[in-house]
Protein backbone atom coordinates (compact mmCIF):
# COMPACT_ATOMS: atom_id res chain seq x y z
CA MET A 1 99.80 49.63 145.69
CA GLN A 2 100.37 46.88 147.65
CA PRO A 3 99.12 43.40 145.80
CA SER A 4 95.34 43.70 146.93
CA GLY A 5 94.14 40.12 145.63
CA THR A 6 95.36 37.90 148.85
CA THR A 7 92.92 35.60 150.70
CA THR A 8 93.96 37.18 153.88
CA VAL A 9 92.90 40.75 152.76
CA GLU A 10 89.34 39.76 150.99
CA ARG A 11 88.40 37.86 154.19
CA ALA A 12 89.60 40.28 157.04
CA LEU A 13 87.27 43.13 154.76
CA ASP A 14 84.21 40.65 154.47
CA ALA A 15 84.91 39.89 158.72
CA LEU A 16 85.14 44.17 159.43
CA ASN A 17 81.78 44.46 157.20
CA PHE A 18 80.43 41.89 159.28
CA PHE A 19 80.89 42.41 161.97
CA LEU A 20 80.45 46.51 162.51
CA ALA A 21 77.45 46.28 160.96
CA ASP A 22 75.84 46.01 164.08
CA VAL A 23 78.48 48.30 165.78
CA ARG A 24 77.98 50.90 163.19
CA ASP A 25 74.28 52.26 164.40
CA GLY A 26 75.08 51.25 167.72
CA LEU A 27 72.06 50.45 169.83
CA GLY A 28 70.23 51.85 166.52
CA PRO A 29 65.84 51.16 166.78
CA TYR A 30 66.39 48.45 170.61
CA LEU A 31 66.96 51.75 172.23
CA ALA A 32 63.47 52.96 172.68
CA ILE A 33 62.37 49.91 173.75
CA TYR A 34 64.70 49.71 176.04
CA LEU A 35 64.25 52.83 177.55
CA LEU A 36 60.25 52.17 177.20
CA THR A 37 60.56 47.72 179.39
CA GLU A 38 63.45 48.65 181.17
CA ARG A 39 63.65 52.54 182.44
CA LYS A 40 60.58 53.78 181.88
CA TRP A 41 60.95 56.33 180.51
CA ASP A 42 57.20 57.68 178.14
CA GLU A 43 57.37 58.49 174.49
CA ALA A 44 58.78 61.95 174.73
CA SER A 45 62.02 61.51 176.28
CA ILE A 46 62.90 58.93 174.30
CA GLY A 47 61.98 61.41 171.26
CA SER A 48 64.60 63.91 172.12
CA VAL A 49 67.67 61.06 173.54
CA MET A 50 66.80 59.69 169.20
CA SER A 51 66.27 63.40 168.66
CA ILE A 52 70.21 64.55 169.72
CA ALA A 53 71.21 61.01 169.21
CA ALA A 54 70.55 61.14 164.80
CA ILE A 55 71.35 65.77 164.42
CA ALA A 56 74.67 64.82 166.86
CA GLY A 57 75.49 62.01 164.03
CA ILE A 58 74.09 64.42 160.70
CA LEU A 59 77.23 67.22 162.28
CA ALA A 60 79.37 64.64 162.63
CA GLN A 61 79.35 63.49 159.49
CA THR A 62 81.56 65.78 157.13
CA PRO A 63 83.83 66.59 159.70
CA ALA A 64 85.06 62.22 160.29
CA GLY A 65 85.93 62.80 156.91
CA ALA A 66 88.18 65.31 156.76
CA LEU A 67 89.39 63.69 159.37
CA ILE A 68 89.83 60.33 157.22
CA ASP A 69 90.71 61.85 154.45
CA ARG A 70 94.01 63.49 156.06
CA SER A 71 94.72 60.52 158.91
CA ARG A 72 97.41 57.97 157.84
CA ALA A 73 95.75 55.99 161.19
CA LYS A 74 92.30 54.44 159.73
CA ARG A 75 92.40 51.08 161.09
CA ALA A 76 92.96 53.08 165.15
CA LEU A 77 90.20 55.48 163.68
CA MET A 78 88.39 52.71 163.03
CA ILE A 79 88.77 50.80 166.12
CA ALA A 80 88.81 54.36 168.31
CA ALA A 81 85.01 55.09 167.19
CA ALA A 82 83.81 51.10 167.91
CA ILE A 83 84.93 51.71 170.61
CA ALA A 84 83.59 54.72 171.90
CA VAL A 85 80.40 53.53 170.01
CA THR A 86 80.31 50.83 172.83
CA ALA A 87 80.99 52.04 175.45
CA ALA A 88 78.83 54.85 175.26
CA CYS A 89 76.03 52.27 175.29
CA LEU A 90 77.17 50.29 177.75
CA LEU A 91 77.36 52.99 179.80
CA LEU A 92 73.12 53.00 179.32
CA PRO A 93 72.35 51.17 182.34
CA LEU A 94 74.14 52.96 184.63
CA LEU A 95 72.86 56.24 183.86
CA ASP A 96 70.15 57.29 184.65
CA ARG A 97 69.61 61.56 183.69
CA PHE A 98 68.10 62.82 180.80
CA GLU A 99 70.97 65.02 180.03
CA LEU A 100 73.75 62.30 180.73
CA VAL A 101 71.51 58.89 178.63
CA ALA A 102 71.95 61.66 176.23
CA ALA A 103 75.07 62.53 175.79
CA THR A 104 75.92 59.04 175.83
CA GLN A 105 73.67 58.16 172.85
CA ALA A 106 75.15 61.40 170.35
CA LEU A 107 78.62 59.86 171.70
CA ALA A 108 77.89 56.97 169.69
CA ALA A 109 76.02 59.02 166.81
CA ALA A 110 78.68 61.09 166.09
CA SER A 111 81.07 58.46 166.75
CA GLY A 112 79.45 55.52 164.49
CA SER A 113 80.04 58.62 161.63
CA VAL A 114 83.18 57.61 160.88
CA LEU A 115 83.14 53.82 160.27
CA ALA A 116 81.69 53.59 156.68
CA PRO A 117 83.96 56.59 155.25
CA ALA A 118 86.77 54.52 157.04
CA ILE A 119 85.79 51.75 155.90
CA ALA A 120 85.12 53.03 151.87
CA ALA A 121 88.15 54.60 152.03
CA VAL A 122 90.23 51.41 153.28
CA THR A 123 88.56 50.11 150.95
CA LEU A 124 89.63 52.06 148.25
CA GLY A 125 92.86 51.97 149.76
CA ILE A 126 93.94 48.70 149.44
CA VAL A 127 92.02 47.55 146.54
CA GLY A 128 92.13 50.43 143.52
CA PRO A 129 89.73 52.13 141.77
CA LYS A 130 89.35 49.61 139.23
CA ALA A 131 88.78 46.43 141.78
CA PHE A 132 86.91 49.71 143.85
CA ALA A 133 82.97 48.73 142.17
CA ALA A 134 83.18 45.03 143.03
CA ARG A 135 84.98 45.26 146.21
CA THR A 136 82.05 47.37 146.90
CA GLY A 137 79.20 44.68 146.31
CA ARG A 138 81.11 42.16 148.80
CA ASN A 139 81.50 45.10 151.91
CA GLU A 140 77.30 46.53 151.91
CA ALA A 141 77.06 42.01 151.38
CA PHE A 142 78.24 41.58 154.24
CA ASN A 143 77.56 44.42 156.00
CA HIS A 144 73.61 43.80 155.10
CA ALA A 145 74.49 39.77 156.61
CA GLY A 146 75.34 40.82 159.52
CA ASN A 147 72.72 42.94 160.49
CA ALA A 148 70.08 40.46 159.70
CA VAL A 149 71.76 37.77 161.99
CA ALA A 150 71.74 40.76 164.59
CA ALA A 151 68.91 41.73 164.29
CA ALA A 152 67.67 37.35 163.86
CA ILE A 153 69.78 36.25 166.83
CA ALA A 154 68.44 39.16 168.70
CA GLY A 155 65.17 38.94 168.78
CA GLY A 156 65.43 35.73 169.45
CA THR A 157 67.83 35.69 172.30
CA ALA A 158 65.12 39.20 173.89
CA TYR A 159 62.71 36.25 174.30
CA TRP A 160 64.34 34.86 177.05
CA PHE A 161 67.30 37.79 178.47
CA GLY A 162 65.09 40.62 177.62
CA PRO A 163 66.49 43.78 175.95
CA VAL A 164 69.34 44.02 177.91
CA VAL A 165 70.69 40.74 175.20
CA VAL A 166 71.47 43.51 172.96
CA PHE A 167 74.33 45.08 175.10
CA TRP A 168 76.23 41.84 174.74
CA LEU A 169 75.97 41.24 171.06
CA LEU A 170 77.34 44.68 170.38
CA ALA A 171 79.67 43.95 172.89
CA ALA A 172 80.57 40.95 171.41
CA MET A 173 80.62 41.86 167.69
CA ALA A 174 82.63 46.23 168.40
CA LEU A 175 85.27 42.60 170.19
CA ALA A 176 85.26 40.66 166.99
CA SER A 177 85.16 43.90 164.73
CA ILE A 178 89.09 45.34 166.46
CA ALA A 179 90.47 42.00 165.63
CA ALA A 180 88.92 42.32 162.08
CA THR A 181 90.56 45.27 161.85
CA LEU A 182 93.85 44.29 163.51
CA SER A 183 94.18 41.58 161.03
CA ILE A 184 93.82 44.25 157.89
CA PRO A 185 98.41 44.70 157.41
CA PRO A 186 98.52 48.12 157.69
CA ALA A 187 101.49 48.30 154.41
CA ALA A 188 97.93 47.38 152.01
CA ILE A 189 96.55 49.97 152.68
CA ASP A 190 98.21 53.28 150.15
CA HIS A 191 96.19 56.58 152.16
CA GLN A 192 97.16 58.13 148.84
CA VAL A 193 94.10 56.61 146.34
CA ALA A 194 92.22 55.99 149.93
CA ARG A 195 91.26 59.92 149.50
CA GLY A 196 90.56 59.83 146.03
CA LEU A 197 94.76 60.53 144.76
CA ASP A 198 96.41 58.76 142.05
CA ASP A 199 99.16 55.61 142.60
CA MET A 200 101.87 57.33 143.67
CA GLU A 201 103.63 53.88 142.58
CA GLU A 202 102.41 54.97 138.75
CA HIS A 203 102.33 58.54 138.16
CA GLY A 204 105.24 59.92 140.41
CA ALA A 205 105.29 62.56 143.68
CA SER A 206 104.28 65.49 141.73
CA GLN A 207 100.58 64.20 142.31
CA ASP A 208 100.22 63.83 146.02
CA ARG A 209 98.28 67.54 147.14
CA PRO A 210 95.01 67.10 147.45
CA SER A 211 93.23 70.26 145.30
CA GLY A 212 91.85 72.82 146.84
CA PHE A 213 87.54 72.32 148.09
CA ARG A 214 86.22 74.20 145.27
CA VAL A 215 86.63 71.68 143.03
CA LEU A 216 83.66 69.83 144.98
CA LEU A 217 81.88 72.69 144.68
CA THR A 218 82.01 73.62 141.47
CA CYS A 219 81.50 70.24 140.25
CA ARG A 220 78.08 70.26 138.82
CA PRO A 221 77.49 66.20 138.12
CA LEU A 222 78.82 65.96 142.41
CA LEU A 223 76.25 67.83 143.32
CA ILE A 224 73.03 67.06 140.97
CA PHE A 225 73.77 63.57 142.62
CA ALA A 226 74.05 64.91 145.55
CA VAL A 227 70.66 66.79 145.31
CA SER A 228 69.75 63.78 144.13
CA THR A 229 70.87 61.34 147.12
CA VAL A 230 68.29 64.32 149.46
CA ILE A 231 66.17 63.17 147.52
CA PHE A 232 65.93 59.44 148.12
CA HIS A 233 66.40 59.70 151.43
CA PHE A 234 63.74 62.37 151.70
CA ALA A 235 61.01 59.55 149.59
CA ASN A 236 62.10 56.29 151.70
CA ALA A 237 63.67 57.37 155.26
CA ALA A 238 59.27 57.82 156.31
CA MET A 239 58.10 54.45 154.93
CA LEU A 240 59.15 51.94 157.31
CA PRO A 241 58.25 53.85 160.27
CA LEU A 242 54.81 54.46 158.02
CA VAL A 243 54.27 50.84 157.65
CA GLY A 244 55.28 49.61 160.98
CA GLN A 245 52.26 51.63 162.21
CA LYS A 246 50.20 50.09 160.03
CA LEU A 247 51.10 47.10 161.24
CA ALA A 248 50.68 47.82 165.08
CA LEU A 249 47.21 49.28 163.61
CA VAL A 250 46.14 45.81 162.28
CA ASN A 251 47.23 44.15 165.07
CA ARG A 252 49.04 45.32 168.28
CA ASN A 253 49.89 41.86 168.96
CA LEU A 254 52.34 41.11 166.31
CA GLY A 255 52.93 45.33 165.22
CA THR A 256 56.96 44.57 166.94
CA SER A 257 57.40 41.00 165.65
CA LEU A 258 55.79 42.03 161.83
CA MET A 259 58.87 44.61 162.02
CA SER A 260 61.14 42.87 162.91
CA VAL A 261 60.12 40.14 159.67
CA CYS A 262 60.95 43.60 157.27
CA ILE A 263 64.17 44.35 159.22
CA ILE A 264 65.20 40.74 158.37
CA ALA A 265 63.23 40.00 154.82
CA ALA A 266 65.17 43.06 153.55
CA GLN A 267 68.27 43.17 155.23
CA ILE A 268 68.77 39.10 153.20
CA VAL A 269 66.99 40.54 150.21
CA MET A 270 70.59 43.57 150.28
CA VAL A 271 72.74 40.72 149.50
CA PRO A 272 72.31 40.14 146.05
CA VAL A 273 71.54 43.35 145.97
CA ALA A 274 74.46 44.63 146.72
CA MET A 275 76.94 42.23 144.93
CA LEU A 276 74.61 42.10 141.57
CA VAL A 277 75.54 45.84 142.24
CA GLY A 278 79.49 45.37 142.88
CA ARG A 279 79.86 42.77 139.84
CA LYS A 280 77.15 45.37 137.23
CA ALA A 281 78.85 48.75 138.17
CA ASP A 282 81.61 48.32 135.92
CA VAL A 283 79.71 47.30 132.76
CA TRP A 284 76.23 48.91 132.79
CA GLY A 285 77.34 51.87 134.36
CA ARG A 286 76.46 54.10 137.82
CA LYS A 287 73.49 56.10 135.99
CA PRO A 288 70.77 54.04 135.07
CA ILE A 289 71.84 51.32 138.26
CA PHE A 290 70.99 54.03 140.06
CA ALA A 291 67.70 55.12 137.59
CA THR A 292 66.07 51.97 138.85
CA ALA A 293 66.24 52.40 142.45
CA LEU A 294 65.05 55.64 142.45
CA ALA A 295 61.69 53.58 140.26
CA VAL A 296 62.08 50.87 142.89
CA LEU A 297 60.57 53.49 145.65
CA ALA A 298 58.11 55.10 143.48
CA ILE A 299 56.77 51.85 143.20
CA ARG A 300 57.12 50.64 146.55
CA GLY A 301 55.29 53.90 147.78
CA ALA A 302 52.65 53.74 145.32
CA LEU A 303 51.91 50.01 146.20
CA TYR A 304 51.62 50.09 149.67
CA PRO A 305 47.38 52.26 149.70
CA LEU A 306 46.83 48.84 147.98
CA SER A 307 46.27 46.96 151.10
CA ASP A 308 46.42 47.09 154.99
CA ASN A 309 46.88 42.98 154.76
CA PRO A 310 49.70 42.49 156.92
CA TYR A 311 51.06 39.90 155.17
CA TRP A 312 50.94 42.70 151.40
CA LEU A 313 52.65 46.08 153.67
CA VAL A 314 55.51 43.57 154.82
CA SER A 315 55.23 42.15 150.85
CA VAL A 316 55.91 45.73 149.51
CA GLN A 317 58.89 45.93 152.70
CA LEU A 318 61.43 43.79 150.59
CA LEU A 319 61.73 46.22 147.25
CA ASP A 320 63.68 48.32 150.44
CA GLY A 321 65.95 45.33 150.16
CA ILE A 322 66.06 45.91 146.36
CA GLY A 323 66.33 49.84 146.63
CA ALA A 324 69.15 50.67 149.44
CA GLY A 325 70.47 47.55 149.25
CA ILE A 326 71.61 49.35 145.75
CA PHE A 327 71.87 52.79 147.34
CA GLY A 328 74.20 51.46 149.68
CA ALA A 329 76.61 49.41 147.07
CA LEU A 330 76.67 52.43 144.54
CA PHE A 331 76.72 55.36 146.70
CA PRO A 332 80.91 55.49 147.24
CA LEU A 333 80.94 54.21 144.02
CA VAL A 334 79.38 57.20 142.33
CA ILE A 335 81.71 59.57 145.01
CA ALA A 336 84.64 57.54 143.81
CA ASP A 337 84.14 58.77 140.11
CA LEU A 338 84.22 62.36 140.44
CA THR A 339 85.97 63.27 143.49
CA HIS A 340 89.68 60.84 141.34
CA GLY A 341 92.26 63.03 141.48
CA THR A 342 91.33 65.57 144.01
CA GLY A 343 92.18 63.69 147.57
CA HIS A 344 89.11 63.94 148.97
CA PHE A 345 86.88 61.45 148.30
CA ASN A 346 86.32 61.17 152.29
CA ILE A 347 85.03 64.65 152.97
CA SER A 348 82.61 65.01 149.87
CA GLN A 349 81.43 60.97 151.73
CA GLY A 350 81.10 62.70 154.82
CA ALA A 351 79.75 66.31 152.87
CA ILE A 352 76.53 64.61 151.14
CA ALA A 353 76.21 61.97 153.76
CA THR A 354 75.36 65.11 156.19
CA ALA A 355 72.70 66.40 153.35
CA THR A 356 70.96 62.58 153.18
CA GLY A 357 70.25 63.10 157.46
CA LEU A 358 69.09 66.03 157.42
CA GLY A 359 66.88 64.78 153.81
CA GLY A 360 65.41 61.27 156.36
CA ALA A 361 65.03 63.51 158.89
CA LEU A 362 62.45 66.14 157.09
CA SER A 363 60.89 62.78 155.64
CA THR A 364 58.86 61.86 158.98
CA ALA A 365 58.39 65.15 159.99
CA VAL A 366 56.30 66.19 156.62
CA ALA A 367 55.10 63.13 156.48
CA GLY A 368 53.46 62.04 159.89
CA PHE A 369 51.97 65.90 158.56
CA ILE A 370 50.34 64.10 156.32
CA ILE A 371 49.05 61.87 157.62
CA VAL A 372 46.84 63.37 160.77
CA HIS A 373 45.64 65.83 157.87
CA ALA A 374 45.17 63.25 154.68
CA GLY A 375 46.15 60.06 156.78
CA TYR A 376 48.51 56.99 155.23
CA SER A 377 47.68 56.54 151.69
CA ALA A 378 47.52 60.55 151.11
CA ALA A 379 51.89 60.42 152.64
CA PHE A 380 52.12 57.40 151.22
CA LEU A 381 51.81 58.53 147.54
CA PHE A 382 53.53 62.10 148.20
CA LEU A 383 56.68 60.10 148.88
CA ALA A 384 55.58 57.74 145.29
CA ALA A 385 55.80 61.95 143.68
CA VAL A 386 58.89 63.18 145.51
CA ALA A 387 61.17 59.07 144.28
CA CYS A 388 59.09 60.07 141.41
CA ALA A 389 60.40 63.39 140.54
CA GLY A 390 63.84 62.93 141.51
CA LEU A 391 63.40 59.84 139.25
CA ILE A 392 63.38 62.39 135.85
CA GLY A 393 65.76 65.05 137.26
CA TYR A 394 68.36 62.79 138.42
CA CYS A 395 67.81 61.40 134.37
CA ALA A 396 67.60 64.72 132.38
CA LEU A 397 70.44 66.01 134.60
CA MET A 398 72.92 63.25 136.16
CA PRO A 399 75.76 62.11 133.89
CA GLU A 400 76.58 58.41 133.52
CA THR A 401 80.02 58.95 136.03
CA LEU A 402 81.63 55.16 135.16
CA ARG A 403 83.83 57.48 133.01
CA ALA A 404 85.47 59.47 135.68
CA ALA A 405 86.78 56.10 136.93
CA THR A 406 88.74 54.89 133.51
CA THR A 407 91.33 58.84 134.04
CA THR A 408 94.80 57.42 135.49
CA SER A 409 95.44 61.88 134.89
CA ARG A 410 95.15 63.50 138.17
CA THR A 411 95.02 67.29 135.52
CA THR A 412 92.82 64.78 133.20
CA ALA A 413 90.30 63.73 136.41
CA LEU A 414 90.05 67.35 137.07
CA ALA A 415 88.91 68.56 133.93
CA SER A 416 86.60 66.34 133.39
CA LEU A 417 84.97 67.48 137.26
CA ASN A 418 83.97 70.81 135.55
CA GLU A 419 82.20 70.20 132.02
């Protein structure tokens, strides 16, 4: 495997994560604002477009992971995905028909699903399993910094130029991400290590073949972690939208501005949290850190009902930076631990991301139903209870996975999966 500590590669990965932060989600929450204010669409049509895009992104996760596992052209895949996302969004102002707009956003969401697992794969292929934790934390820190900067630029410039500024920003960051991708030397990526196999230079050619998919289905810790991540997203996904609704109800004029503050502030908190997780995950272990994320999520849900004061709601929302910062940095580490030696690191990421996406989509529907029948406080407390139940189950059933990362033999790794 090529040396991974060079300044050039480190800076290239930093830049890639920073600039792809805005590209990965396409127009994201700004899509609804653009369609409502510029195209004068009704809320039902906007919701349908966003649902179609979300479903397309969810369905693409697992095939994207499988493609990344098999491909040795990971840089080209990231560039193609960035171009597809940007092109689909830049076409939007030229289209009027619902089905065409929906098709472009479905393409953007499906293409964007390639980027997160591809970055994780490239990172693993460059730095190897031993340095993966620290580098993943750094990746997430630059990702959250990119999101915060992009949101601040969009929010600040939209006042003078309107929602169209988001298109310019997306295009600029896409071009920058392509330049960052091309600055990564192709030879720096070990594609065997990138898919979760051992380093061929250390262990020989006999270990270069991936195992059968059955090893993933029979890996009890992997299944427990998948369920835990679904619970995390189910409890988490609806909280920010509900906070936004409460802020709008308290002060309709400041609702959008306060929502932007929530997003930016949480992203800023995620930066040091992700860095801390990257530095300490190999010291403290994965299990206590992820348990902390679930605990913070439960506390956050329980605190929201205590007051409708906007400052209180925004302050509590800062806790999202802790939970999401931990999850983003830890998710690929645990998957890498549990799939080491199988050759299925990226498809496992994609499969679990698909499940978590479904959990997140179900979250908003269930929370909305509860609000209609019992109010916002009941919805927040229900989500907090789900997170608490997930925490108890995780602590009781999930083993520490750090030990899997220390194995150097594919045979040993596969044996540990079935313990």
